[in-house]
Amino acid sequence: MIPAWLLRFLPHIAVALAVIGALLFVDHRGYARAQDDQKKLEQRITAKISDAVDAIDKKTATRIADIDTTQRTIVQPVLTREIIANPRLSDPALGITPAMRDAINAARAESAK
């Protein structure tokens, strides 16, 4: 049998357990909602970062294509023409011509942009 003094506190204990259970339930629901909100936030941040990286990649690819075009159409023909026209370029002791130096400097300036 249950002692009489315990029967006197049983309703109070039941109410306390019900309140504690309700608080734990509400707390767990809040925790679950906070986790869901955090996941959504991380997904939005990841999407924004991905979009930014894609934009940077696209801009970089465009810039590289522009440099390649400049190299093939402006700088490379000048360098090739100077190398063909001046056989002394194969001799390191003689140095480079002013036109070759200008073409090299133009290529360096273009790649520094």
Protein backbone atom coordinates (compact mmCIF):
# COMPACT_ATOMS: atom_id res chain seq x y z
CA MET A 1 0.00 0.00 0.00
CA ILE A 2 0.94 3.60 -0.52
CA PRO A 3 1.64 5.50 2.68
CA ALA A 4 -0.88 8.16 3.66
CA TRP A 5 1.65 10.99 3.64
CA LEU A 6 2.54 10.14 -0.02
CA LEU A 7 -1.15 10.17 -1.01
CA ARG A 8 -1.42 13.66 0.39
CA PHE A 9 1.39 14.93 -1.96
CA LEU A 10 0.43 12.82 -4.99
CA PRO A 11 -1.77 15.51 -6.67
CA HIS A 12 1.00 18.08 -6.20
CA ILE A 13 3.58 15.72 -7.66
CA ALA A 14 1.30 14.95 -10.62
CA VAL A 15 0.79 18.67 -11.34
CA ALA A 16 4.54 19.35 -11.03
CA LEU A 17 5.33 16.48 -13.43
CA ALA A 18 2.68 17.74 -15.87
CA VAL A 19 4.17 21.26 -15.79
CA ILE A 20 7.70 19.92 -16.22
CA GLY A 21 6.52 17.70 -19.09
CA ALA A 22 4.81 20.64 -20.79
CA LEU A 23 7.93 22.80 -20.42
CA LEU A 24 10.13 20.06 -21.86
CA PHE A 25 7.70 19.61 -24.77
CA VAL A 26 7.65 23.35 -25.56
CA ASP A 27 11.41 23.57 -25.14
CA HIS A 28 11.98 20.66 -27.50
CA ARG A 29 9.65 22.18 -30.12
CA GLY A 30 11.54 25.47 -29.86
CA TYR A 31 14.85 23.65 -30.19
CA ALA A 32 13.63 21.74 -33.27
CA ARG A 33 12.34 24.98 -34.83
CA ALA A 34 15.66 26.70 -34.13
CA GLN A 35 17.52 23.84 -35.81
CA ASP A 36 15.25 24.08 -38.86
CA ASP A 37 15.75 27.84 -39.01
CA GLN A 38 19.52 27.37 -38.78
CA LYS A 39 19.48 24.84 -41.64
CA LYS A 40 17.45 27.23 -43.80
CA LEU A 41 19.84 30.07 -42.99
CA GLU A 42 22.84 27.91 -43.89
CA GLN A 43 21.19 26.95 -47.18
CA ARG A 44 20.55 30.62 -48.03
CA ILE A 45 24.12 31.57 -47.15
CA THR A 46 25.50 28.66 -49.16
CA ALA A 47 23.37 29.70 -52.15
CA LYS A 48 24.58 33.30 -51.91
CA ILE A 49 28.21 32.21 -51.64
CA SER A 50 27.76 29.86 -54.58
CA ASP A 51 26.24 32.67 -56.66
CA ALA A 52 29.11 35.00 -55.72
CA VAL A 53 31.71 32.37 -56.63
CA ASP A 54 29.95 31.71 -59.93
CA ALA A 55 29.99 35.43 -60.72
CA ILE A 56 33.69 35.65 -59.89
CA ASP A 57 34.40 32.59 -62.02
CA LYS A 58 32.46 34.07 -64.93
CA LYS A 59 34.25 37.41 -64.62
CA THR A 60 37.63 35.67 -64.40
CA ALA A 61 36.87 33.50 -67.43
CA THR A 62 35.87 36.59 -69.41
CA ARG A 63 39.04 38.40 -68.37
CA ILE A 64 41.22 35.40 -69.29
CA ALA A 65 39.49 35.18 -72.68
CA ASP A 66 40.16 38.90 -73.24
CA ILE A 67 43.83 38.45 -72.32
CA ASP A 68 44.11 35.43 -74.62
CA THR A 69 42.54 37.42 -77.45
CA THR A 70 44.91 40.33 -76.85
CA GLN A 71 47.89 38.00 -76.71
CA ARG A 72 46.92 36.24 -79.95
CA THR A 73 45.99 39.37 -81.91
CA ILE A 74 48.38 42.06 -80.68
CA VAL A 75 51.32 40.87 -78.64
CA GLN A 76 52.09 37.46 -80.10
CA PRO A 77 52.33 38.66 -83.75
CA VAL A 78 54.71 41.45 -82.72
CA LEU A 79 56.91 39.05 -80.79
CA THR A 80 56.85 36.49 -83.60
CA ARG A 81 57.65 39.13 -86.21
CA GLU A 82 60.57 40.45 -84.14
CA ILE A 83 61.99 36.97 -83.58
CA ILE A 84 61.76 36.12 -87.29
CA ALA A 85 63.04 39.48 -88.51
CA ASN A 86 65.96 39.69 -86.14
CA PRO A 87 68.13 36.57 -85.81
CA ARG A 88 70.32 38.27 -83.21
CA LEU A 89 67.59 37.54 -80.63
CA SER A 90 68.96 34.03 -80.41
CA ASP A 91 72.21 35.48 -79.04
CA PRO A 92 71.78 36.40 -75.35
CA ALA A 93 74.82 38.67 -75.43
CA LEU A 94 73.24 41.05 -77.94
CA GLY A 95 70.07 41.81 -75.96
CA ILE A 96 66.64 42.59 -77.33
CA THR A 97 65.42 45.21 -79.79
CA PRO A 98 63.34 48.20 -78.70
CA ALA A 99 60.29 46.82 -80.54
CA MET A 100 60.66 43.49 -78.72
CA ARG A 101 61.04 45.28 -75.39
CA ASP A 102 57.89 47.33 -76.12
CA ALA A 103 55.95 44.17 -76.99
CA ILE A 104 57.11 42.45 -73.81
CA ASN A 105 56.20 45.48 -71.71
CA ALA A 106 52.78 45.63 -73.38
CA ALA A 107 52.22 41.96 -72.52
CA ARG A 108 53.28 42.57 -68.92
CA ALA A 109 50.99 45.60 -68.64
CA GLU A 110 48.08 43.64 -70.07
CA SER A 111 48.55 40.78 -67.62
CA ALA A 112 48.81 43.21 -64.68
CA LYS A 113 45.28 44.54 -65.25
